[in-house]
Amino acid sequence: MKVKIFDESHEKDLEEQVNNYLYEHDVDVVDIKYQVSVSIAGEDQIYCFSAMIIYK
């Protein structure tokens, strides 16, 4: 079993990266884990969208 991890600052970028990976690689997907984290720096909110594909 293997994993591939993606990390983007916008959800649409993450979606594109995951879809491109799945399209370009012939893998047997076991699961996809998704996570969003938010931090605050001054008055800015910083988002981190990540996904982990678990595959064979």
PDB file of N, CA and C in Angstrom:
ATOM      1  N   MET A   1       0.843  -1.169   0.000  1.00  0.00           N
ATOM      2  CA  MET A   1       0.000   0.000   0.000  1.00  0.00           C
ATOM      3  C   MET A   1       0.894   1.239   0.000  1.00  0.00           C
ATOM      4  N   LYS A   2       0.450   2.301  -0.677  1.00  0.00           N
ATOM      5  CA  LYS A   2       1.206   3.546  -0.758  1.00  0.00           C
ATOM      6  C   LYS A   2       0.278   4.720  -0.494  1.00  0.00           C
ATOM      7  N   VAL A   3       0.884   5.908  -0.297  1.00  0.00           N
ATOM      8  CA  VAL A   3       0.103   7.129  -0.115  1.00  0.00           C
ATOM      9  C   VAL A   3       0.674   8.245  -0.986  1.00  0.00           C
ATOM     10  N   LYS A   4      -0.175   9.175  -1.342  1.00  0.00           N
ATOM     11  CA  LYS A   4       0.227  10.397  -2.040  1.00  0.00           C
ATOM     12  C   LYS A   4      -0.467  11.540  -1.314  1.00  0.00           C
ATOM     13  N   ILE A   5       0.302  12.567  -0.936  1.00  0.00           N
ATOM     14  CA  ILE A   5      -0.236  13.685  -0.162  1.00  0.00           C
ATOM     15  C   ILE A   5      -0.203  14.953  -1.006  1.00  0.00           C
ATOM     16  N   PHE A   6      -1.297  15.699  -0.934  1.00  0.00           N
ATOM     17  CA  PHE A   6      -1.439  16.972  -1.638  1.00  0.00           C
ATOM     18  C   PHE A   6      -1.716  18.063  -0.619  1.00  0.00           C
ATOM     19  N   ASP A   7      -1.200  19.262  -0.881  1.00  0.00           N
ATOM     20  CA  ASP A   7      -1.399  20.397   0.021  1.00  0.00           C
ATOM     21  C   ASP A   7      -1.527  21.662  -0.821  1.00  0.00           C
ATOM     22  N   GLU A   8      -2.644  22.347  -0.687  1.00  0.00           N
ATOM     23  CA  GLU A   8      -2.897  23.564  -1.467  1.00  0.00           C
ATOM     24  C   GLU A   8      -3.524  24.635  -0.585  1.00  0.00           C
ATOM     25  N   SER A   9      -3.452  25.871  -1.022  1.00  0.00           N
ATOM     26  CA  SER A   9      -4.037  26.967  -0.248  1.00  0.00           C
ATOM     27  C   SER A   9      -5.451  27.317  -0.708  1.00  0.00           C
ATOM     28  N   HIS A  10      -5.933  26.664  -1.755  1.00  0.00           N
ATOM     29  CA  HIS A  10      -7.300  26.890  -2.236  1.00  0.00           C
ATOM     30  C   HIS A  10      -7.931  25.547  -2.572  1.00  0.00           C
ATOM     31  N   GLU A  11      -9.194  25.366  -2.216  1.00  0.00           N
ATOM     32  CA  GLU A  11      -9.847  24.071  -2.398  1.00  0.00           C
ATOM     33  C   GLU A  11      -9.938  23.661  -3.867  1.00  0.00           C
ATOM     34  N   LYS A  12     -10.112  24.607  -4.773  1.00  0.00           N
ATOM     35  CA  LYS A  12     -10.189  24.275  -6.201  1.00  0.00           C
ATOM     36  C   LYS A  12      -8.844  23.765  -6.720  1.00  0.00           C
ATOM     37  N   ASP A  13      -7.739  24.315  -6.207  1.00  0.00           N
ATOM     38  CA  ASP A  13      -6.413  23.838  -6.594  1.00  0.00           C
ATOM     39  C   ASP A  13      -6.194  22.404  -6.114  1.00  0.00           C
ATOM     40  N   LEU A  14      -6.646  22.122  -4.912  1.00  0.00           N
ATOM     41  CA  LEU A  14      -6.528  20.765  -4.383  1.00  0.00           C
ATOM     42  C   LEU A  14      -7.353  19.796  -5.223  1.00  0.00           C
ATOM     43  N   GLU A  15      -8.557  20.187  -5.538  1.00  0.00           N
ATOM     44  CA  GLU A  15      -9.430  19.351  -6.356  1.00  0.00           C
ATOM     45  C   GLU A  15      -8.772  19.044  -7.709  1.00  0.00           C
ATOM     46  N   GLU A  16      -8.194  20.051  -8.324  1.00  0.00           N
ATOM     47  CA  GLU A  16      -7.531  19.873  -9.614  1.00  0.00           C
ATOM     48  C   GLU A  16      -6.328  18.939  -9.500  1.00  0.00           C
ATOM     49  N   GLN A  17      -5.516  19.114  -8.457  1.00  0.00           N
ATOM     50  CA  GLN A  17      -4.337  18.277  -8.263  1.00  0.00           C
ATOM     51  C   GLN A  17      -4.724  16.808  -8.058  1.00  0.00           C
ATOM     52  N   VAL A  18      -5.724  16.560  -7.230  1.00  0.00           N
ATOM     53  CA  VAL A  18      -6.156  15.186  -6.962  1.00  0.00           C
ATOM     54  C   VAL A  18      -6.732  14.562  -8.226  1.00  0.00           C
ATOM     55  N   ASN A  19      -7.598  15.288  -8.921  1.00  0.00           N
ATOM     56  CA  ASN A  19      -8.195  14.761 -10.150  1.00  0.00           C
ATOM     57  C   ASN A  19      -7.142  14.484 -11.215  1.00  0.00           C
ATOM     58  N   ASN A  20      -6.166  15.372 -11.363  1.00  0.00           N
ATOM     59  CA  ASN A  20      -5.094  15.155 -12.338  1.00  0.00           C
ATOM     60  C   ASN A  20      -4.272  13.919 -11.987  1.00  0.00           C
ATOM     61  N   TYR A  21      -3.960  13.758 -10.715  1.00  0.00           N
ATOM     62  CA  TYR A  21      -3.188  12.595 -10.292  1.00  0.00           C
ATOM     63  C   TYR A  21      -3.940  11.299 -10.600  1.00  0.00           C
ATOM     64  N   LEU A  22      -5.223  11.270 -10.261  1.00  0.00           N
ATOM     65  CA  LEU A  22      -6.016  10.061 -10.496  1.00  0.00           C
ATOM     66  C   LEU A  22      -6.178   9.776 -11.984  1.00  0.00           C
ATOM     67  N   TYR A  23      -6.255  10.830 -12.790  1.00  0.00           N
ATOM     68  CA  TYR A  23      -6.387  10.659 -14.237  1.00  0.00           C
ATOM     69  C   TYR A  23      -5.087  10.131 -14.853  1.00  0.00           C
ATOM     70  N   GLU A  24      -3.958  10.623 -14.367  1.00  0.00           N
ATOM     71  CA  GLU A  24      -2.656  10.289 -14.951  1.00  0.00           C
ATOM     72  C   GLU A  24      -2.064   8.979 -14.439  1.00  0.00           C
ATOM     73  N   HIS A  25      -2.551   8.477 -13.301  1.00  0.00           N
ATOM     74  CA  HIS A  25      -1.986   7.266 -12.706  1.00  0.00           C
ATOM     75  C   HIS A  25      -3.066   6.204 -12.579  1.00  0.00           C
ATOM     76  N   ASP A  26      -2.714   5.010 -12.968  1.00  0.00           N
ATOM     77  CA  ASP A  26      -3.640   3.887 -12.867  1.00  0.00           C
ATOM     78  C   ASP A  26      -3.442   3.227 -11.505  1.00  0.00           C
ATOM     79  N   VAL A  27      -4.150   3.729 -10.504  1.00  0.00           N
ATOM     80  CA  VAL A  27      -4.001   3.211  -9.143  1.00  0.00           C
ATOM     81  C   VAL A  27      -5.331   2.661  -8.645  1.00  0.00           C
ATOM     82  N   ASP A  28      -5.240   1.722  -7.727  1.00  0.00           N
ATOM     83  CA  ASP A  28      -6.415   1.149  -7.069  1.00  0.00           C
ATOM     84  C   ASP A  28      -6.601   1.904  -5.752  1.00  0.00           C
ATOM     85  N   VAL A  29      -7.502   2.886  -5.748  1.00  0.00           N
ATOM     86  CA  VAL A  29      -7.708   3.755  -4.582  1.00  0.00           C
ATOM     87  C   VAL A  29      -8.396   2.978  -3.467  1.00  0.00           C
ATOM     88  N   VAL A  30      -7.793   3.017  -2.286  1.00  0.00           N
ATOM     89  CA  VAL A  30      -8.367   2.394  -1.096  1.00  0.00           C
ATOM     90  C   VAL A  30      -9.214   3.421  -0.351  1.00  0.00           C
ATOM     91  N   ASP A  31      -8.677   4.648  -0.205  1.00  0.00           N
ATOM     92  CA  ASP A  31      -9.375   5.702   0.533  1.00  0.00           C
ATOM     93  C   ASP A  31      -8.757   7.052   0.188  1.00  0.00           C
ATOM     94  N   ILE A  32      -9.526   8.100   0.394  1.00  0.00           N
ATOM     95  CA  ILE A  32      -9.023   9.466   0.273  1.00  0.00           C
ATOM     96  C   ILE A  32      -9.416  10.207   1.548  1.00  0.00           C
ATOM     97  N   LYS A  33      -8.422  10.737   2.233  1.00  0.00           N
ATOM     98  CA  LYS A  33      -8.642  11.520   3.454  1.00  0.00           C
ATOM     99  C   LYS A  33      -8.501  12.995   3.091  1.00  0.00           C
ATOM    100  N   TYR A  34      -9.391  13.819   3.647  1.00  0.00           N
ATOM    101  CA  TYR A  34      -9.424  15.249   3.329  1.00  0.00           C
ATOM    102  C   TYR A  34      -9.385  16.037   4.630  1.00  0.00           C
ATOM    103  N   GLN A  35      -8.662  17.164   4.625  1.00  0.00           N
ATOM    104  CA  GLN A  35      -8.558  17.974   5.833  1.00  0.00           C
ATOM    105  C   GLN A  35      -8.414  19.445   5.471  1.00  0.00           C
ATOM    106  N   VAL A  36      -9.007  20.286   6.308  1.00  0.00           N
ATOM    107  CA  VAL A  36      -8.866  21.731   6.175  1.00  0.00           C
ATOM    108  C   VAL A  36      -8.370  22.275   7.507  1.00  0.00           C
ATOM    109  N   SER A  37      -7.366  23.135   7.447  1.00  0.00           N
ATOM    110  CA  SER A  37      -6.910  23.801   8.664  1.00  0.00           C
ATOM    111  C   SER A  37      -6.880  25.300   8.408  1.00  0.00           C
ATOM    112  N   VAL A  38      -7.113  26.050   9.473  1.00  0.00           N
ATOM    113  CA  VAL A  38      -7.154  27.505   9.389  1.00  0.00           C
ATOM    114  C   VAL A  38      -6.284  28.073  10.490  1.00  0.00           C
ATOM    115  N   SER A  39      -5.495  29.073  10.136  1.00  0.00           N
ATOM    116  CA  SER A  39      -4.734  29.792  11.153  1.00  0.00           C
ATOM    117  C   SER A  39      -4.919  31.286  10.919  1.00  0.00           C
ATOM    118  N   ILE A  40      -4.649  32.053  11.936  1.00  0.00           N
ATOM    119  CA  ILE A  40      -4.818  33.500  11.851  1.00  0.00           C
ATOM    120  C   ILE A  40      -3.464  34.156  12.074  1.00  0.00           C
ATOM    121  N   ALA A  41      -3.102  35.033  11.133  1.00  0.00           N
ATOM    122  CA  ALA A  41      -1.861  35.797  11.229  1.00  0.00           C
ATOM    123  C   ALA A  41      -2.236  37.270  11.119  1.00  0.00           C
ATOM    124  N   GLY A  42      -2.262  37.933  12.247  1.00  0.00           N
ATOM    125  CA  GLY A  42      -2.740  39.325  12.247  1.00  0.00           C
ATOM    126  C   GLY A  42      -4.223  39.351  11.948  1.00  0.00           C
ATOM    127  N   GLU A  43      -4.587  40.030  10.887  1.00  0.00           N
ATOM    128  CA  GLU A  43      -5.993  40.071  10.473  1.00  0.00           C
ATOM    129  C   GLU A  43      -6.292  39.114   9.325  1.00  0.00           C
ATOM    130  N   ASP A  44      -5.298  38.325   8.898  1.00  0.00           N
ATOM    131  CA  ASP A  44      -5.463  37.400   7.780  1.00  0.00           C
ATOM    132  C   ASP A  44      -5.788  36.001   8.274  1.00  0.00           C
ATOM    133  N   GLN A  45      -6.679  35.336   7.551  1.00  0.00           N
ATOM    134  CA  GLN A  45      -6.957  33.929   7.783  1.00  0.00           C
ATOM    135  C   GLN A  45      -6.206  33.135   6.716  1.00  0.00           C
ATOM    136  N   ILE A  46      -5.459  32.132   7.138  1.00  0.00           N
ATOM    137  CA  ILE A  46      -4.686  31.315   6.216  1.00  0.00           C
ATOM    138  C   ILE A  46      -5.285  29.909   6.208  1.00  0.00           C
ATOM    139  N   TYR A  47      -5.698  29.466   5.029  1.00  0.00           N
ATOM    140  CA  TYR A  47      -6.320  28.159   4.877  1.00  0.00           C
ATOM    141  C   TYR A  47      -5.323  27.185   4.268  1.00  0.00           C
ATOM    142  N   CYS A  48      -5.411  25.949   4.698  1.00  0.00           N
ATOM    143  CA  CYS A  48      -4.601  24.874   4.144  1.00  0.00           C
ATOM    144  C   CYS A  48      -5.539  23.696   3.855  1.00  0.00           C
ATOM    145  N   PHE A  49      -5.653  23.345   2.595  1.00  0.00           N
ATOM    146  CA  PHE A  49      -6.500  22.232   2.167  1.00  0.00           C
ATOM    147  C   PHE A  49      -5.582  21.079   1.787  1.00  0.00           C
ATOM    148  N   SER A  50      -5.782  19.926   2.398  1.00  0.00           N
ATOM    149  CA  SER A  50      -4.911  18.800   2.101  1.00  0.00           C
ATOM    150  C   SER A  50      -5.720  17.524   1.901  1.00  0.00           C
ATOM    151  N   ALA A  51      -5.117  16.622   1.152  1.00  0.00           N
ATOM    152  CA  ALA A  51      -5.740  15.327   0.894  1.00  0.00           C
ATOM    153  C   ALA A  51      -4.649  14.277   0.838  1.00  0.00           C
ATOM    154  N   MET A  52      -5.008  13.085   1.289  1.00  0.00           N
ATOM    155  CA  MET A  52      -4.098  11.946   1.211  1.00  0.00           C
ATOM    156  C   MET A  52      -4.819  10.819   0.501  1.00  0.00           C
ATOM    157  N   ILE A  53      -4.229  10.358  -0.591  1.00  0.00           N
ATOM    158  CA  ILE A  53      -4.782   9.225  -1.325  1.00  0.00           C
ATOM    159  C   ILE A  53      -4.044   7.984  -0.857  1.00  0.00           C
ATOM    160  N   ILE A  54      -4.793   7.009  -0.385  1.00  0.00           N
ATOM    161  CA  ILE A  54      -4.236   5.717  -0.009  1.00  0.00           C
ATOM    162  C   ILE A  54      -4.580   4.757  -1.143  1.00  0.00           C
ATOM    163  N   TYR A  55      -3.548   4.120  -1.719  1.00  0.00           N
ATOM    164  CA  TYR A  55      -3.783   3.278  -2.890  1.00  0.00           C
ATOM    165  C   TYR A  55      -2.867   2.057  -2.897  1.00  0.00           C
ATOM    166  N   LYS A  56      -3.230   1.131  -3.760  1.00  0.00           N
ATOM    167  CA  LYS A  56      -2.415  -0.078  -3.954  1.00  0.00           C
ATOM    168  C   LYS A  56      -1.689   0.033  -5.273  1.00  0.00           C
TER     169      LYS A  56
END
